[in-house]
């Protein structure tokens, strides 16, 4: 399976230009699955809720229509972050789009920092199957909660796709390796780079998008700055192999009889 991501630097609030940039970058892509960053069309650093509302879009909507058009030409499936509006609510979402349009929408469940002022949290995880491969989606800060990835893995995910706008250096580059290893899944983290400034405050995004194998190995990592469309071949069957040794299975060895949840 040919998978990859597109790391780039969106222009805040410039919906038309960001959609044009994405289209030009992906129009001739040769891959089965490509992951884009978190909120790559709207930008991320919002001043207030009114600004968020002015930049939000429905699913389906303008961005998914562009990706559907590309998918119908290339056969590539896309997962993109999206500033979603639905029934008067706002969500920080990830949407999978194929040749026939949007397939699945995941709404970020763990809201980071000022996102709590703007967005409603999602309330569910799910799996989507494309070309016989089971895919799960998370968004940015979700990576810091082991239960998120474990839930998707237990649901059968072979690849976890992770649109991100990371501002804490090196943390997700570490945790996503651990999540891939502890669940024996492939992980595609698509981060953005660049910065956004509002009222003398700056968010600097860390880049270093990466693809991780089920053994926790970094198959490829981008630089901290610069656009990067990276595609590689993986065998998702490797994510079905949950044995660490001949005596140890990462799922069978769990002690659910003594774990405590709250």
Protein backbone atom coordinates (compact mmCIF):
# COMPACT_ATOMS: atom_id res chain seq x y z
CA UNK A 1 0.00 0.00 0.00
CA UNK A 2 1.37 3.40 -0.96
CA UNK A 3 0.82 5.92 1.82
CA UNK A 4 2.11 9.34 2.66
CA UNK A 5 1.48 12.86 3.89
CA UNK A 6 1.76 16.46 2.78
CA UNK A 7 3.46 18.83 5.22
CA UNK A 8 3.05 22.50 4.30
CA UNK A 9 2.49 26.01 5.70
CA UNK A 10 -1.13 27.21 5.27
CA UNK A 11 -1.94 30.92 5.09
CA UNK A 12 -4.29 31.82 7.92
CA UNK A 13 -7.81 32.61 6.75
CA UNK A 14 -6.99 32.39 3.05
CA UNK A 15 -9.37 29.56 2.17
CA UNK A 16 -9.13 29.91 -1.59
CA UNK A 17 -5.34 30.06 -1.68
CA UNK A 18 -4.90 27.12 0.68
CA UNK A 19 -7.33 24.97 -1.33
CA UNK A 20 -5.50 25.95 -4.53
CA UNK A 21 -2.15 25.07 -2.95
CA UNK A 22 -3.41 21.67 -1.83
CA UNK A 23 -4.89 20.93 -5.25
CA UNK A 24 -1.69 21.82 -7.08
CA UNK A 25 0.39 19.68 -4.72
CA UNK A 26 -1.81 16.59 -4.86
CA UNK A 27 -3.32 16.60 -8.34
CA UNK A 28 -0.83 14.12 -9.78
CA UNK A 29 -0.06 12.15 -6.64
CA UNK A 30 0.54 8.40 -6.98
CA UNK A 31 -0.61 6.88 -3.70
CA UNK A 32 -3.42 4.95 -2.06
CA UNK A 33 -3.68 7.23 0.98
CA UNK A 34 -2.43 10.74 1.76
CA UNK A 35 -2.81 12.57 5.09
CA UNK A 36 -2.95 16.37 5.40
CA UNK A 37 -2.35 18.46 8.55
CA UNK A 38 -4.90 19.70 11.07
CA UNK A 39 -6.99 22.65 9.79
CA UNK A 40 -4.91 23.07 6.60
CA UNK A 41 -7.47 25.29 4.85
CA UNK A 42 -8.53 27.69 7.60
CA UNK A 43 -5.37 27.98 9.63
CA UNK A 44 -5.39 27.45 13.39
CA UNK A 45 -4.70 30.49 15.60
CA UNK A 46 -8.14 32.10 15.98
CA UNK A 47 -8.92 35.44 17.63
CA UNK A 48 -12.49 34.66 18.65
CA UNK A 49 -15.44 32.40 17.96
CA UNK A 50 -16.82 34.73 15.30
CA UNK A 51 -13.63 34.27 13.31
CA UNK A 52 -13.92 30.51 13.65
CA UNK A 53 -17.51 30.61 12.41
CA UNK A 54 -16.53 32.70 9.38
CA UNK A 55 -13.93 30.13 8.30
CA UNK A 56 -15.86 26.93 9.03
CA UNK A 57 -17.45 24.73 6.37
CA UNK A 58 -19.78 21.74 6.24
CA UNK A 59 -19.10 18.17 5.18
CA UNK A 60 -19.52 17.79 2.27
CA UNK A 61 -18.29 21.26 1.36
CA UNK A 62 -15.77 23.15 -0.78
CA UNK A 63 -12.67 21.40 0.57
CA UNK A 64 -14.05 17.87 0.39
CA UNK A 65 -15.31 18.55 -3.14
CA UNK A 66 -11.80 19.47 -4.28
CA UNK A 67 -10.34 16.35 -2.69
CA UNK A 68 -13.11 14.23 -4.18
CA UNK A 69 -12.26 15.60 -7.63
CA UNK A 70 -8.58 14.74 -7.17
CA UNK A 71 -9.47 11.31 -5.80
CA UNK A 72 -11.70 10.54 -8.78
CA UNK A 73 -8.74 11.27 -11.07
CA UNK A 74 -5.96 9.59 -9.11
CA UNK A 75 -7.72 6.90 -7.06
CA UNK A 76 -6.06 8.30 -3.94
CA UNK A 77 -7.96 8.52 -0.65
CA UNK A 78 -7.31 11.61 1.45
CA UNK A 79 -7.58 12.37 5.14
CA UNK A 80 -7.61 16.07 5.89
CA UNK A 81 -8.10 18.19 8.94
CA UNK A 82 -11.16 20.42 8.63
CA UNK A 83 -12.82 23.27 10.50
CA UNK A 84 -16.29 21.75 10.45
CA UNK A 85 -19.65 23.35 11.10
CA UNK A 86 -22.65 21.09 11.70
CA UNK A 87 -26.03 21.90 13.25
CA UNK A 88 -24.71 25.18 14.70
CA UNK A 89 -21.76 23.42 16.34
CA UNK A 90 -18.08 23.81 15.48
CA UNK A 91 -15.65 20.90 15.41
CA UNK A 92 -11.95 20.37 14.82
CA UNK A 93 -12.37 17.37 12.54
CA UNK A 94 -10.56 14.92 10.30
CA UNK A 95 -12.39 13.79 7.19
CA UNK A 96 -11.65 10.87 4.87
CA UNK A 97 -12.50 11.60 1.24
CA UNK A 98 -12.57 9.19 -1.70
CA UNK A 99 -13.73 9.18 -5.33
CA UNK A 100 -17.38 9.31 -4.26
CA UNK A 101 -16.94 12.05 -1.66
CA UNK A 102 -16.62 12.11 2.15
CA UNK A 103 -16.51 8.65 3.69
CA UNK A 104 -16.05 9.30 7.39
CA UNK A 105 -15.65 12.24 9.79
CA UNK A 106 -13.82 12.06 13.10
CA UNK A 107 -14.20 14.95 15.56
CA UNK A 108 -11.26 15.68 17.85
CA UNK A 109 -12.06 14.32 21.29
CA UNK A 110 -9.30 15.95 23.35
CA UNK A 111 -9.34 19.70 22.82
CA UNK A 112 -6.08 21.59 23.33
CA UNK A 113 -5.68 24.97 25.01
CA UNK A 114 -8.02 27.67 23.58
CA UNK A 115 -9.79 25.16 21.36
CA UNK A 116 -12.06 24.69 24.37
CA UNK A 117 -13.38 28.20 23.73
CA UNK A 118 -14.43 27.39 20.18
CA UNK A 119 -15.12 23.72 19.56
CA UNK A 120 -17.35 20.96 20.79
CA UNK A 121 -15.43 17.75 21.51
CA UNK A 122 -16.15 14.61 19.54
CA UNK A 123 -17.58 11.66 21.39
CA UNK A 124 -16.59 8.56 19.45
CA UNK A 125 -13.83 6.70 17.67
CA UNK A 126 -14.31 4.69 14.52
CA UNK A 127 -12.67 2.58 11.85
CA UNK A 128 -12.94 2.98 8.09
CA UNK A 129 -11.94 0.23 5.69
CA UNK A 130 -10.44 1.11 2.31
CA UNK A 131 -8.98 -1.42 -0.09
CA UNK A 132 -9.33 -4.05 2.64
CA UNK A 133 -7.23 -2.06 5.12
CA UNK A 134 -8.63 -0.71 8.39
CA UNK A 135 -7.88 2.95 9.08
CA UNK A 136 -8.34 4.99 12.27
CA UNK A 137 -8.15 8.78 12.66
CA UNK A 138 -6.97 11.02 15.49
CA UNK A 139 -6.28 14.77 15.57
CA UNK A 140 -3.20 16.39 17.12
CA UNK A 141 -3.52 16.47 20.97
CA UNK A 142 -5.30 13.08 20.91
CA UNK A 143 -1.81 11.55 20.70
CA UNK A 144 -1.14 12.32 24.36
CA UNK A 145 -3.94 10.03 25.53
CA UNK A 146 -2.95 6.36 25.18
CA UNK A 147 -6.57 5.27 25.36
CA UNK A 148 -7.29 6.92 22.01
CA UNK A 149 -4.84 4.87 20.00
CA UNK A 150 -5.51 1.71 22.02
CA UNK A 151 -9.25 2.01 21.32
CA UNK A 152 -8.63 2.27 17.59
CA UNK A 153 -6.17 -0.63 17.67
CA UNK A 154 -8.64 -2.83 19.55
CA UNK A 155 -11.22 -1.93 16.91
CA UNK A 156 -8.84 -3.33 14.31
CA UNK A 157 -6.97 -0.29 13.01
CA UNK A 158 -3.87 -1.16 10.99
CA UNK A 159 -2.98 2.46 10.21
CA UNK A 160 -3.65 5.46 12.43
CA UNK A 161 -3.76 8.76 10.54
CA UNK A 162 -2.95 11.84 12.60
CA UNK A 163 -3.50 15.36 11.17
CA UNK A 164 -1.69 17.78 13.46
CA UNK A 165 -0.71 21.40 14.18
CA UNK A 166 1.90 20.69 16.83
CA UNK A 167 3.41 23.50 18.89
CA UNK A 168 5.17 21.49 21.61
CA UNK A 169 8.57 20.51 20.16
CA UNK A 170 9.49 16.83 19.91
CA UNK A 171 6.71 15.50 22.14
CA UNK A 172 4.43 14.00 19.50
CA UNK A 173 7.43 12.80 17.52
CA UNK A 174 8.15 10.65 20.58
CA UNK A 175 4.65 9.65 21.67
CA UNK A 176 3.54 8.56 18.20
CA UNK A 177 6.46 6.15 18.08
CA UNK A 178 5.38 4.75 21.42
CA UNK A 179 1.71 4.54 20.36
CA UNK A 180 2.68 2.70 17.18
CA UNK A 181 4.88 0.29 19.12
CA UNK A 182 2.51 -0.41 22.01
CA UNK A 183 -0.35 -1.10 19.57
CA UNK A 184 1.69 -2.58 16.71
CA UNK A 185 0.16 -0.25 14.10
CA UNK A 186 1.45 2.03 11.37
CA UNK A 187 1.20 5.73 12.20
CA UNK A 188 1.06 8.63 9.73
CA UNK A 189 1.48 12.00 11.42
CA UNK A 190 0.97 14.96 9.08
CA UNK A 191 2.07 18.15 10.82
CA UNK A 192 2.30 21.70 9.47
CA UNK A 193 5.19 24.12 9.70
CA UNK A 194 5.47 27.90 9.93
CA UNK A 195 3.90 30.28 12.43
CA UNK A 196 0.81 32.40 13.08
CA UNK A 197 0.74 35.60 15.15
CA UNK A 198 -2.20 37.33 16.81
CA UNK A 199 -1.99 40.26 19.24
CA UNK A 200 1.76 39.87 19.80
CA UNK A 201 1.36 36.15 20.52
CA UNK A 202 2.84 33.56 18.17
CA UNK A 203 2.17 29.89 17.58
CA UNK A 204 5.20 28.25 15.97
CA UNK A 205 4.47 24.87 14.40
CA UNK A 206 7.08 22.17 14.62
CA UNK A 207 6.92 20.26 11.31
CA UNK A 208 8.78 16.95 11.47
CA UNK A 209 5.86 14.95 10.10
CA UNK A 210 6.63 11.26 10.20
CA UNK A 211 5.60 7.72 9.33
CA UNK A 212 6.13 5.04 11.96
CA UNK A 213 6.17 1.25 11.61
CA UNK A 214 4.45 -1.18 14.03
CA UNK A 215 7.83 -1.74 15.68
CA UNK A 216 8.15 1.97 16.52
CA UNK A 217 10.74 2.60 13.80
CA UNK A 218 10.71 5.99 12.08
CA UNK A 219 10.37 5.14 8.41
CA UNK A 220 10.70 8.78 7.41
CA UNK A 221 10.64 12.19 9.08
CA UNK A 222 10.41 15.61 7.44
CA UNK A 223 12.44 18.64 8.47
CA UNK A 224 11.03 21.13 10.95
CA UNK A 225 10.51 23.64 8.14
CA UNK A 226 9.59 23.29 4.48
CA UNK A 227 6.90 21.68 2.38
CA UNK A 228 7.25 17.94 1.98
CA UNK A 229 5.08 15.50 0.05
CA UNK A 230 6.36 12.08 1.06
CA UNK A 231 5.04 8.72 -0.12
CA UNK A 232 6.28 5.23 0.70
CA UNK A 233 5.20 1.60 0.42
CA UNK A 234 4.09 -0.28 3.51
CA UNK A 235 2.56 -3.69 4.13
CA UNK A 236 -0.45 -3.21 6.44
CA UNK A 237 -0.43 -6.95 7.16
CA UNK A 238 2.50 -6.21 9.47
CA UNK A 239 0.04 -4.40 11.76
CA UNK A 240 -1.89 -7.63 12.27
CA UNK A 241 1.13 -9.22 13.95
CA UNK A 242 0.63 -8.45 17.63
CA UNK A 243 3.30 -10.77 19.02
CA UNK A 244 6.34 -9.23 20.69
CA UNK A 245 7.89 -12.67 21.34
CA UNK A 246 6.60 -16.17 20.74
CA UNK A 247 5.17 -16.04 24.27
CA UNK A 248 3.89 -12.45 24.31
CA UNK A 249 0.98 -10.91 22.42
CA UNK A 250 0.42 -7.19 22.94
CA UNK A 251 -3.35 -7.67 23.23
CA UNK A 252 -3.68 -11.16 24.72
CA UNK A 253 -1.33 -10.29 27.58
CA UNK A 254 -3.42 -7.37 28.79
CA UNK A 255 -4.67 -7.79 32.38
CA UNK A 256 -8.16 -6.39 32.01
CA UNK A 257 -9.14 -8.20 35.20
CA UNK A 258 -7.03 -5.86 37.32
CA UNK A 259 -6.95 -2.61 35.33
CA UNK A 260 -9.04 0.19 36.78
CA UNK A 261 -10.82 2.75 34.64
CA UNK A 262 -12.44 6.06 35.49
